[in-house]
C-alpha atoms as a PDB file:
ATOM      1  CA  UNK A   1       0.082  -0.067  -0.002  1.00  0.00           C
ATOM      2  CA  UNK A   2       1.484   3.108  -1.140  1.00  0.00           C
ATOM      3  CA  UNK A   3       0.477   6.781   0.877  1.00  0.00           C
ATOM      4  CA  UNK A   4       1.083   9.788  -1.208  1.00  0.00           C
ATOM      5  CA  UNK A   5       1.976  12.908   1.359  1.00  0.00           C
ATOM      6  CA  UNK A   6       1.193  16.455  -0.389  1.00  0.00           C
ATOM      7  CA  UNK A   7       3.293  19.363   1.045  1.00  0.00           C
ATOM      8  CA  UNK A   8       2.657  22.883  -0.645  1.00  0.00           C
ATOM      9  CA  UNK A   9       4.943  25.153  -0.009  1.00  0.00           C
ATOM     10  CA  UNK A  10       5.503  28.572  -0.758  1.00  0.00           C
ATOM     11  CA  UNK A  11       8.780  31.056   0.759  1.00  0.00           C
ATOM     12  CA  UNK A  12       8.866  27.689   3.424  1.00  0.00           C
ATOM     13  CA  UNK A  13      12.212  27.950   3.840  1.00  0.00           C
ATOM     14  CA  UNK A  14      12.107  28.717   7.568  1.00  0.00           C
ATOM     15  CA  UNK A  15      10.050  25.160   8.219  1.00  0.00           C
ATOM     16  CA  UNK A  16      10.222  23.055   5.184  1.00  0.00           C
ATOM     17  CA  UNK A  17      13.315  21.575   6.681  1.00  0.00           C
ATOM     18  CA  UNK A  18      11.286  20.123  10.000  1.00  0.00           C
ATOM     19  CA  UNK A  19       8.154  18.713   7.107  1.00  0.00           C
ATOM     20  CA  UNK A  20      10.928  16.789   5.222  1.00  0.00           C
ATOM     21  CA  UNK A  21      12.758  15.426   7.642  1.00  0.00           C
ATOM     22  CA  UNK A  22       9.676  14.090   9.436  1.00  0.00           C
ATOM     23  CA  UNK A  23       8.272  12.361   6.476  1.00  0.00           C
ATOM     24  CA  UNK A  24      11.471  11.270   5.517  1.00  0.00           C
ATOM     25  CA  UNK A  25      12.160   9.421   8.638  1.00  0.00           C
ATOM     26  CA  UNK A  26       8.615   7.464   9.153  1.00  0.00           C
ATOM     27  CA  UNK A  27       9.285   3.701   9.965  1.00  0.00           C
ATOM     28  CA  UNK A  28       6.740   3.022   6.847  1.00  0.00           C
ATOM     29  CA  UNK A  29       9.048   3.788   4.207  1.00  0.00           C
ATOM     30  CA  UNK A  30       6.146   2.952   1.058  1.00  0.00           C
ATOM     31  CA  UNK A  31       5.709   6.853   0.980  1.00  0.00           C
ATOM     32  CA  UNK A  32       5.978   9.498  -1.864  1.00  0.00           C
ATOM     33  CA  UNK A  33       5.994  12.412  -1.035  1.00  0.00           C
ATOM     34  CA  UNK A  34       5.207  15.447  -3.286  1.00  0.00           C
ATOM     35  CA  UNK A  35       6.063  19.131  -3.308  1.00  0.00           C
ATOM     36  CA  UNK A  36       3.944  21.563  -4.798  1.00  0.00           C
ATOM     37  CA  UNK A  37       5.495  25.279  -4.831  1.00  0.00           C
ATOM     38  CA  UNK A  38       4.387  28.218  -5.599  1.00  0.00           C
ATOM     39  CA  UNK A  39       7.385  29.555  -7.440  1.00  0.00           C
ATOM     40  CA  UNK A  40       9.068  30.747  -4.366  1.00  0.00           C
ATOM     41  CA  UNK A  41      11.318  33.548  -3.901  1.00  0.00           C
ATOM     42  CA  UNK A  42      13.467  32.232  -1.003  1.00  0.00           C
ATOM     43  CA  UNK A  43      15.725  29.062  -0.918  1.00  0.00           C
ATOM     44  CA  UNK A  44      12.595  26.819  -0.073  1.00  0.00           C
ATOM     45  CA  UNK A  45      13.567  24.635  -3.127  1.00  0.00           C
ATOM     46  CA  UNK A  46      17.112  24.062  -2.466  1.00  0.00           C
ATOM     47  CA  UNK A  47      16.490  23.346   1.194  1.00  0.00           C
ATOM     48  CA  UNK A  48      14.013  20.480  -0.333  1.00  0.00           C
ATOM     49  CA  UNK A  49      16.835  19.407  -2.652  1.00  0.00           C
ATOM     50  CA  UNK A  50      19.837  19.351   0.063  1.00  0.00           C
ATOM     51  CA  UNK A  51      17.181  17.268   2.153  1.00  0.00           C
ATOM     52  CA  UNK A  52      17.549  14.393  -0.751  1.00  0.00           C
ATOM     53  CA  UNK A  53      14.143  14.693  -1.795  1.00  0.00           C
ATOM     54  CA  UNK A  54      13.670  11.930  -4.282  1.00  0.00           C
ATOM     55  CA  UNK A  55       9.469  12.761  -4.718  1.00  0.00           C
ATOM     56  CA  UNK A  56       7.804  15.014  -7.725  1.00  0.00           C
ATOM     57  CA  UNK A  57       8.533  18.590  -7.462  1.00  0.00           C
ATOM     58  CA  UNK A  58       6.602  20.855  -9.201  1.00  0.00           C
ATOM     59  CA  UNK A  59       7.247  24.693  -8.676  1.00  0.00           C
ATOM     60  CA  UNK A  60       4.845  27.609 -10.813  1.00  0.00           C
ATOM     61  CA  UNK A  61       2.885  29.891  -9.742  1.00  0.00           C
ATOM     62  CA  UNK A  62      -0.630  28.771  -8.455  1.00  0.00           C
ATOM     63  CA  UNK A  63      -4.253  30.363  -7.221  1.00  0.00           C
ATOM     64  CA  UNK A  64      -3.608  29.524  -4.036  1.00  0.00           C
ATOM     65  CA  UNK A  65      -2.546  26.662  -1.281  1.00  0.00           C
ATOM     66  CA  UNK A  66      -5.846  24.441  -2.196  1.00  0.00           C
ATOM     67  CA  UNK A  67      -4.919  24.911  -5.970  1.00  0.00           C
ATOM     68  CA  UNK A  68      -1.643  23.433  -4.802  1.00  0.00           C
ATOM     69  CA  UNK A  69      -3.243  20.716  -2.992  1.00  0.00           C
ATOM     70  CA  UNK A  70      -5.220  19.736  -5.913  1.00  0.00           C
ATOM     71  CA  UNK A  71      -2.276  19.411  -8.289  1.00  0.00           C
ATOM     72  CA  UNK A  72      -0.472  17.391  -5.564  1.00  0.00           C
ATOM     73  CA  UNK A  73      -4.083  15.167  -5.540  1.00  0.00           C
ATOM     74  CA  UNK A  74      -3.566  14.801  -9.501  1.00  0.00           C
ATOM     75  CA  UNK A  75      -0.029  14.020  -9.362  1.00  0.00           C
ATOM     76  CA  UNK A  76      -0.074  11.042  -6.718  1.00  0.00           C
ATOM     77  CA  UNK A  77       0.466   7.615  -7.395  1.00  0.00           C
ATOM     78  CA  UNK A  78      -0.363   6.388  -3.889  1.00  0.00           C
ATOM     79  CA  UNK A  79      -3.450   4.295  -2.789  1.00  0.00           C
ATOM     80  CA  UNK A  80      -3.837   6.615  -0.065  1.00  0.00           C
ATOM     81  CA  UNK A  81      -3.464  10.418   0.304  1.00  0.00           C
ATOM     82  CA  UNK A  82      -2.635  12.728   2.805  1.00  0.00           C
ATOM     83  CA  UNK A  83      -1.714  16.442   3.329  1.00  0.00           C
ATOM     84  CA  UNK A  84       1.176  18.217   5.218  1.00  0.00           C
ATOM     85  CA  UNK A  85       1.195  21.973   5.222  1.00  0.00           C
ATOM     86  CA  UNK A  86       4.979  23.210   5.000  1.00  0.00           C
ATOM     87  CA  UNK A  87       5.245  24.392   8.680  1.00  0.00           C
ATOM     88  CA  UNK A  88       3.833  21.190   9.983  1.00  0.00           C
ATOM     89  CA  UNK A  89       5.261  18.190  10.869  1.00  0.00           C
ATOM     90  CA  UNK A  90       4.868  14.574  11.983  1.00  0.00           C
ATOM     91  CA  UNK A  91       5.534  14.156  15.871  1.00  0.00           C
ATOM     92  CA  UNK A  92       7.221  10.702  15.663  1.00  0.00           C
ATOM     93  CA  UNK A  93       8.034   7.964  13.323  1.00  0.00           C
ATOM     94  CA  UNK A  94       5.005   6.128  13.866  1.00  0.00           C
ATOM     95  CA  UNK A  95       2.325   8.138  12.017  1.00  0.00           C
ATOM     96  CA  UNK A  96       1.876   6.731   8.716  1.00  0.00           C
ATOM     97  CA  UNK A  97       2.337   3.114   9.971  1.00  0.00           C
ATOM     98  CA  UNK A  98      -0.950   3.702  11.921  1.00  0.00           C
ATOM     99  CA  UNK A  99      -1.986   5.273   9.231  1.00  0.00           C
ATOM    100  CA  UNK A 100      -1.118   2.489   6.954  1.00  0.00           C
ATOM    101  CA  UNK A 101      -2.571  -0.335   9.473  1.00  0.00           C
ATOM    102  CA  UNK A 102      -5.873   1.395   9.539  1.00  0.00           C
ATOM    103  CA  UNK A 103      -6.100   1.226   6.345  1.00  0.00           C
ATOM    104  CA  UNK A 104      -6.209  -2.699   6.088  1.00  0.00           C
ATOM    105  CA  UNK A 105      -9.922  -2.625   6.592  1.00  0.00           C
ATOM    106  CA  UNK A 106     -11.225  -2.650   3.143  1.00  0.00           C
ATOM    107  CA  UNK A 107     -14.072  -1.091   4.285  1.00  0.00           C
ATOM    108  CA  UNK A 108     -11.783   1.727   5.721  1.00  0.00           C
ATOM    109  CA  UNK A 109     -12.096   4.900   3.410  1.00  0.00           C
ATOM    110  CA  UNK A 110     -10.272   7.259   5.274  1.00  0.00           C
ATOM    111  CA  UNK A 111      -8.834   8.246   8.434  1.00  0.00           C
ATOM    112  CA  UNK A 112      -8.033  11.240  10.639  1.00  0.00           C
ATOM    113  CA  UNK A 113      -6.104  11.751  14.163  1.00  0.00           C
ATOM    114  CA  UNK A 114      -5.541  14.429  16.786  1.00  0.00           C
ATOM    115  CA  UNK A 115      -3.548  17.859  16.018  1.00  0.00           C
ATOM    116  CA  UNK A 116      -1.221  19.506  18.708  1.00  0.00           C
ATOM    117  CA  UNK A 117      -0.703  23.508  17.765  1.00  0.00           C
ATOM    118  CA  UNK A 118       3.130  24.187  18.708  1.00  0.00           C
ATOM    119  CA  UNK A 119       4.690  27.756  19.328  1.00  0.00           C
ATOM    120  CA  UNK A 120       5.653  28.981  15.886  1.00  0.00           C
ATOM    121  CA  UNK A 121       9.767  29.361  17.350  1.00  0.00           C
ATOM    122  CA  UNK A 122       9.496  26.635  19.722  1.00  0.00           C
ATOM    123  CA  UNK A 123       8.169  23.663  18.342  1.00  0.00           C
ATOM    124  CA  UNK A 124       7.931  21.158  21.454  1.00  0.00           C
ATOM    125  CA  UNK A 125       5.328  24.383  23.671  1.00  0.00           C
ATOM    126  CA  UNK A 126       2.115  23.322  23.146  1.00  0.00           C
ATOM    127  CA  UNK A 127      -0.646  26.195  22.592  1.00  0.00           C
ATOM    128  CA  UNK A 128      -3.575  24.088  21.843  1.00  0.00           C
ATOM    129  CA  UNK A 129      -4.920  20.940  21.625  1.00  0.00           C
ATOM    130  CA  UNK A 130      -7.142  18.868  19.044  1.00  0.00           C
ATOM    131  CA  UNK A 131      -8.598  16.014  20.491  1.00  0.00           C
ATOM    132  CA  UNK A 132     -11.158  15.272  17.564  1.00  0.00           C
ATOM    133  CA  UNK A 133     -12.745  12.136  18.940  1.00  0.00           C
ATOM    134  CA  UNK A 134     -14.686   9.600  17.423  1.00  0.00           C
ATOM    135  CA  UNK A 135     -16.686  10.371  14.699  1.00  0.00           C
ATOM    136  CA  UNK A 136     -20.558  10.921  14.590  1.00  0.00           C
ATOM    137  CA  UNK A 137     -22.237  12.207  11.639  1.00  0.00           C
ATOM    138  CA  UNK A 138     -24.591  14.367  13.713  1.00  0.00           C
ATOM    139  CA  UNK A 139     -21.259  16.210  15.439  1.00  0.00           C
ATOM    140  CA  UNK A 140     -21.206  18.266  12.022  1.00  0.00           C
ATOM    141  CA  UNK A 141     -24.171  20.166  13.503  1.00  0.00           C
ATOM    142  CA  UNK A 142     -22.271  21.374  16.320  1.00  0.00           C
ATOM    143  CA  UNK A 143     -19.216  22.957  14.723  1.00  0.00           C
ATOM    144  CA  UNK A 144     -17.118  19.902  14.451  1.00  0.00           C
ATOM    145  CA  UNK A 145     -14.904  18.587  12.209  1.00  0.00           C
ATOM    146  CA  UNK A 146     -11.671  16.670  12.157  1.00  0.00           C
ATOM    147  CA  UNK A 147      -8.460  18.315  11.845  1.00  0.00           C
ATOM    148  CA  UNK A 148      -7.623  18.489   8.151  1.00  0.00           C
ATOM    149  CA  UNK A 149      -4.056  18.397   8.237  1.00  0.00           C
ATOM    150  CA  UNK A 150      -4.200  15.002   9.971  1.00  0.00           C
ATOM    151  CA  UNK A 151      -6.769  13.445   7.288  1.00  0.00           C
ATOM    152  CA  UNK A 152      -6.044  10.689   5.085  1.00  0.00           C
ATOM    153  CA  UNK A 153      -8.028   9.338   2.541  1.00  0.00           C
ATOM    154  CA  UNK A 154      -8.399   6.429  -0.411  1.00  0.00           C
ATOM    155  CA  UNK A 155      -6.736   8.248  -3.632  1.00  0.00           C
ATOM    156  CA  UNK A 156     -10.517   6.502  -5.325  1.00  0.00           C
ATOM    157  CA  UNK A 157     -12.379   8.655  -2.590  1.00  0.00           C
ATOM    158  CA  UNK A 158     -10.974  12.040  -4.243  1.00  0.00           C
ATOM    159  CA  UNK A 159     -11.845  10.495  -7.771  1.00  0.00           C
ATOM    160  CA  UNK A 160     -15.467   9.743  -7.227  1.00  0.00           C
ATOM    161  CA  UNK A 161     -16.268  12.781  -5.163  1.00  0.00           C
ATOM    162  CA  UNK A 162     -13.563  15.579  -6.172  1.00  0.00           C
ATOM    163  CA  UNK A 163     -10.820  17.382  -4.015  1.00  0.00           C
ATOM    164  CA  UNK A 164     -11.129  20.859  -3.157  1.00  0.00           C
ATOM    165  CA  UNK A 165     -13.336  23.619  -4.693  1.00  0.00           C
ATOM    166  CA  UNK A 166     -11.781  26.632  -5.557  1.00  0.00           C
ATOM    167  CA  UNK A 167     -14.561  28.872  -4.972  1.00  0.00           C
ATOM    168  CA  UNK A 168     -13.559  28.438  -1.387  1.00  0.00           C
ATOM    169  CA  UNK A 169     -10.637  30.614  -0.401  1.00  0.00           C
ATOM    170  CA  UNK A 170     -10.433  29.915   3.503  1.00  0.00           C
ATOM    171  CA  UNK A 171     -13.099  27.216   4.216  1.00  0.00           C
ATOM    172  CA  UNK A 172     -11.905  24.659   0.944  1.00  0.00           C
ATOM    173  CA  UNK A 173     -11.035  21.718   3.565  1.00  0.00           C
ATOM    174  CA  UNK A 174     -13.602  22.140   5.493  1.00  0.00           C
ATOM    175  CA  UNK A 175     -16.426  21.865   2.690  1.00  0.00           C
ATOM    176  CA  UNK A 176     -14.190  18.714   1.379  1.00  0.00           C
ATOM    177  CA  UNK A 177     -14.571  17.356   5.048  1.00  0.00           C
ATOM    178  CA  UNK A 178     -18.813  18.015   5.024  1.00  0.00           C
ATOM    179  CA  UNK A 179     -18.909  16.726   1.252  1.00  0.00           C
ATOM    180  CA  UNK A 180     -17.051  13.460   2.051  1.00  0.00           C
ATOM    181  CA  UNK A 181     -18.150  12.712   5.418  1.00  0.00           C
ATOM    182  CA  UNK A 182     -21.488  14.089   6.118  1.00  0.00           C
ATOM    183  CA  UNK A 183     -22.745  14.333   2.273  1.00  0.00           C
ATOM    184  CA  UNK A 184     -21.380  11.027   0.732  1.00  0.00           C
ATOM    185  CA  UNK A 185     -20.980   8.881   4.045  1.00  0.00           C
ATOM    186  CA  UNK A 186     -17.456   7.563   3.804  1.00  0.00           C
ATOM    187  CA  UNK A 187     -16.451   5.082   5.900  1.00  0.00           C
ATOM    188  CA  UNK A 188     -13.601   6.870   8.326  1.00  0.00           C
ATOM    189  CA  UNK A 189     -12.131   5.764  11.266  1.00  0.00           C
ATOM    190  CA  UNK A 190     -10.561   7.626  14.291  1.00  0.00           C
ATOM    191  CA  UNK A 191      -6.938   6.936  15.442  1.00  0.00           C
ATOM    192  CA  UNK A 192      -6.334   8.253  18.812  1.00  0.00           C
ATOM    193  CA  UNK A 193      -3.170   9.452  18.230  1.00  0.00           C
ATOM    194  CA  UNK A 194      -1.592  12.540  17.750  1.00  0.00           C
ATOM    195  CA  UNK A 195      -0.731  12.522  14.213  1.00  0.00           C
ATOM    196  CA  UNK A 196       0.364  16.304  13.472  1.00  0.00           C
ATOM    197  CA  UNK A 197       1.879  19.271  14.814  1.00  0.00           C
ATOM    198  CA  UNK A 198       1.345  22.465  13.173  1.00  0.00           C
ATOM    199  CA  UNK A 199       2.596  25.814  14.223  1.00  0.00           C
ATOM    200  CA  UNK A 200       0.640  28.284  15.079  1.00  0.00           C
ATOM    201  CA  UNK A 201       0.001  31.586  12.718  1.00  0.00           C
ATOM    202  CA  UNK A 202      -0.073  29.283   9.385  1.00  0.00           C
ATOM    203  CA  UNK A 203      -2.656  29.548   6.748  1.00  0.00           C
ATOM    204  CA  UNK A 204      -5.450  27.786   8.666  1.00  0.00           C
ATOM    205  CA  UNK A 205      -4.877  30.187  12.251  1.00  0.00           C
ATOM    206  CA  UNK A 206      -3.832  33.693  10.640  1.00  0.00           C
ATOM    207  CA  UNK A 207      -6.498  36.406  12.454  1.00  0.00           C
ATOM    208  CA  UNK A 208     -10.047  37.175  13.487  1.00  0.00           C
ATOM    209  CA  UNK A 209     -10.588  38.800  10.273  1.00  0.00           C
ATOM    210  CA  UNK A 210      -9.691  35.712   8.625  1.00  0.00           C
ATOM    211  CA  UNK A 211     -11.270  33.850  10.931  1.00  0.00           C
ATOM    212  CA  UNK A 212     -15.027  35.896  10.139  1.00  0.00           C
ATOM    213  CA  UNK A 213     -14.285  35.666   6.454  1.00  0.00           C
ATOM    214  CA  UNK A 214     -13.898  32.019   6.763  1.00  0.00           C
ATOM    215  CA  UNK A 215     -17.456  31.865   8.996  1.00  0.00           C
ATOM    216  CA  UNK A 216     -19.118  33.035   6.124  1.00  0.00           C
ATOM    217  CA  UNK A 217     -17.815  30.237   3.797  1.00  0.00           C
ATOM    218  CA  UNK A 218     -18.373  28.034   6.216  1.00  0.00           C
ATOM    219  CA  UNK A 219     -21.714  28.732   6.060  1.00  0.00           C
ATOM    220  CA  UNK A 220     -21.501  28.219   2.637  1.00  0.00           C
ATOM    221  CA  UNK A 221     -19.908  24.621   2.572  1.00  0.00           C
ATOM    222  CA  UNK A 222     -23.143  23.733   3.560  1.00  0.00           C
ATOM    223  CA  UNK A 223     -25.545  25.591   0.944  1.00  0.00           C
ATOM    224  CA  UNK A 224     -23.063  24.464  -1.933  1.00  0.00           C
ATOM    225  CA  UNK A 225     -23.988  20.602  -1.335  1.00  0.00           C
ATOM    226  CA  UNK A 226     -27.382  21.621  -0.729  1.00  0.00           C
ATOM    227  CA  UNK A 227     -28.044  20.442   3.171  1.00  0.00           C
ATOM    228  CA  UNK A 228     -29.012  23.145   5.976  1.00  0.00           C
ATOM    229  CA  UNK A 229     -27.115  23.387   9.205  1.00  0.00           C
ATOM    230  CA  UNK A 230     -28.589  23.568  12.250  1.00  0.00           C
ATOM    231  CA  UNK A 231     -29.209  27.488  13.700  1.00  0.00           C
ATOM    232  CA  UNK A 232     -26.055  27.499  15.889  1.00  0.00           C
ATOM    233  CA  UNK A 233     -23.721  25.420  13.863  1.00  0.00           C
ATOM    234  CA  UNK A 234     -21.831  27.846  12.089  1.00  0.00           C
ATOM    235  CA  UNK A 235     -21.699  29.661  15.753  1.00  0.00           C
ATOM    236  CA  UNK A 236     -20.331  27.013  17.428  1.00  0.00           C
ATOM    237  CA  UNK A 237     -17.735  26.413  15.118  1.00  0.00           C
ATOM    238  CA  UNK A 238     -15.645  28.983  16.263  1.00  0.00           C
ATOM    239  CA  UNK A 239     -16.360  28.564  19.930  1.00  0.00           C
ATOM    240  CA  UNK A 240     -14.953  25.476  19.977  1.00  0.00           C
ATOM    241  CA  UNK A 241     -11.572  26.278  19.601  1.00  0.00           C
ATOM    242  CA  UNK A 242     -11.591  27.908  23.047  1.00  0.00           C
ATOM    243  CA  UNK A 243     -11.848  24.466  24.551  1.00  0.00           C
ATOM    244  CA  UNK A 244      -8.738  23.603  22.677  1.00  0.00           C
ATOM    245  CA  UNK A 245      -6.682  26.289  24.294  1.00  0.00           C
ATOM    246  CA  UNK A 246      -7.697  25.071  27.904  1.00  0.00           C
ATOM    247  CA  UNK A 247      -7.133  21.297  26.814  1.00  0.00           C
ATOM    248  CA  UNK A 248      -3.752  22.185  26.160  1.00  0.00           C
ATOM    249  CA  UNK A 249      -3.165  23.607  29.849  1.00  0.00           C
ATOM    250  CA  UNK A 250      -5.146  21.622  31.841  1.00  0.00           C
ATOM    251  CA  UNK A 251      -7.193  18.493  30.123  1.00  0.00           C
ATOM    252  CA  UNK A 252      -8.810  17.627  33.225  1.00  0.00           C
ATOM    253  CA  UNK A 253     -11.376  21.107  33.003  1.00  0.00           C
ATOM    254  CA  UNK A 254     -14.277  21.206  30.993  1.00  0.00           C
ATOM    255  CA  UNK A 255     -15.042  24.771  29.688  1.00  0.00           C
ATOM    256  CA  UNK A 256     -17.720  25.620  32.183  1.00  0.00           C
ATOM    257  CA  UNK A 257     -15.996  24.572  35.520  1.00  0.00           C
ATOM    258  CA  UNK A 258     -12.751  26.335  33.920  1.00  0.00           C
ATOM    259  CA  UNK A 259     -14.123  29.521  33.503  1.00  0.00           C
ATOM    260  CA  UNK A 260     -15.611  29.339  37.083  1.00  0.00           C
ATOM    261  CA  UNK A 261     -12.138  27.428  39.108  1.00  0.00           C
ATOM    262  CA  UNK A 262      -9.425  27.601  37.010  1.00  0.00           C
ATOM    263  CA  UNK A 263      -6.818  30.400  38.276  1.00  0.00           C
ATOM    264  CA  UNK A 264      -5.493  32.420  35.230  1.00  0.00           C
ATOM    265  CA  UNK A 265      -2.517  33.578  37.415  1.00  0.00           C
ATOM    266  CA  UNK A 266      -1.347  29.888  37.162  1.00  0.00           C
ATOM    267  CA  UNK A 267      -0.848  30.121  33.456  1.00  0.00           C
ATOM    268  CA  UNK A 268       2.895  32.054  32.983  1.00  0.00           C
ATOM    269  CA  UNK A 269       2.777  34.956  30.450  1.00  0.00           C
ATOM    270  CA  UNK A 270       3.092  34.839  27.637  1.00  0.00           C
ATOM    271  CA  UNK A 271       1.056  31.866  27.542  1.00  0.00           C
ATOM    272  CA  UNK A 272      -1.535  33.776  29.621  1.00  0.00           C
ATOM    273  CA  UNK A 273      -1.625  36.771  27.052  1.00  0.00           C
ATOM    274  CA  UNK A 274      -1.534  33.998  24.094  1.00  0.00           C
ATOM    275  CA  UNK A 275      -4.638  32.576  26.075  1.00  0.00           C
ATOM    276  CA  UNK A 276      -6.437  35.993  26.641  1.00  0.00           C
ATOM    277  CA  UNK A 277      -6.142  37.203  23.037  1.00  0.00           C
ATOM    278  CA  UNK A 278      -7.171  33.852  21.873  1.00  0.00           C
ATOM    279  CA  UNK A 279     -10.305  34.015  24.121  1.00  0.00           C
ATOM    280  CA  UNK A 280     -11.380  37.315  23.573  1.00  0.00           C
ATOM    281  CA  UNK A 281     -11.091  37.245  19.837  1.00  0.00           C
ATOM    282  CA  UNK A 282     -13.552  34.303  19.584  1.00  0.00           C
ATOM    283  CA  UNK A 283     -15.735  35.632  22.438  1.00  0.00           C
ATOM    284  CA  UNK A 284     -15.840  39.001  20.152  1.00  0.00           C
ATOM    285  CA  UNK A 285     -16.114  36.827  17.015  1.00  0.00           C
ATOM    286  CA  UNK A 286     -19.346  34.780  18.382  1.00  0.00           C
ATOM    287  CA  UNK A 287     -20.732  37.948  19.664  1.00  0.00           C
ATOM    288  CA  UNK A 288     -20.495  39.705  16.340  1.00  0.00           C
ATOM    289  CA  UNK A 289     -22.195  36.320  14.814  1.00  0.00           C
ATOM    290  CA  UNK A 290     -24.650  36.045  17.573  1.00  0.00           C
ATOM    291  CA  UNK A 291     -26.208  39.389  17.041  1.00  0.00           C
ATOM    292  CA  UNK A 292     -25.904  40.175  13.136  1.00  0.00           C
END
């Protein structure tokens, strides 16, 4: 069973070495690593070459990260396709081994796992912890989605149901997951393991303005597919992120008890500042959505 990993790069010299190394060091060796570069102006491609990379490399201007991912999907020759962003990396050598093991079940169409958001400069410093949990279709109504960069899917699923919709600039991954899991009911398996470390500050976690734009696209993801969310679905999606900050610091506290009882003085700065900014940002977003 061959696994194709797609990494989209653009001026990614600061982080791409970690990404490349984390793929190269996997115990599972039947792996094709595809680099789709958006005509980087730094030495990204030199670093890719210096890493001993032997997979396909394409460097040309594109229409954004999802266009790059679609190019990778078309180039992939593997049975299974995964996405690993250029500022992300696998935390250990067993990730792809576990993915391949899950796909030994012929009824399994896709797998996903958990995700840690780590500090941009210090990759071992955890900022958020995204524990996805087992799949239940109704969870989508509550604003749930699996971490996209932990999502691996059979290539035949892309061929049957399509890949990333370029009409979306911020939420194409959400639309894809909604389409595959909720609309087409593909069979998915949850791997209870941290499968990816994602540096904060990447494409999917830029700013509150970016999140507001994504909020509008999140709603469009439902209507584009001819389905309707609950009145609270899109409002819940950003609020779920608040708990990820809390879990990263104090896993045993659920959101209500944390707000009531957890002493913020126990979170050292600058982590407290990061938490406060994130909490306030999402609270303001929730208020703006609720009263729009």
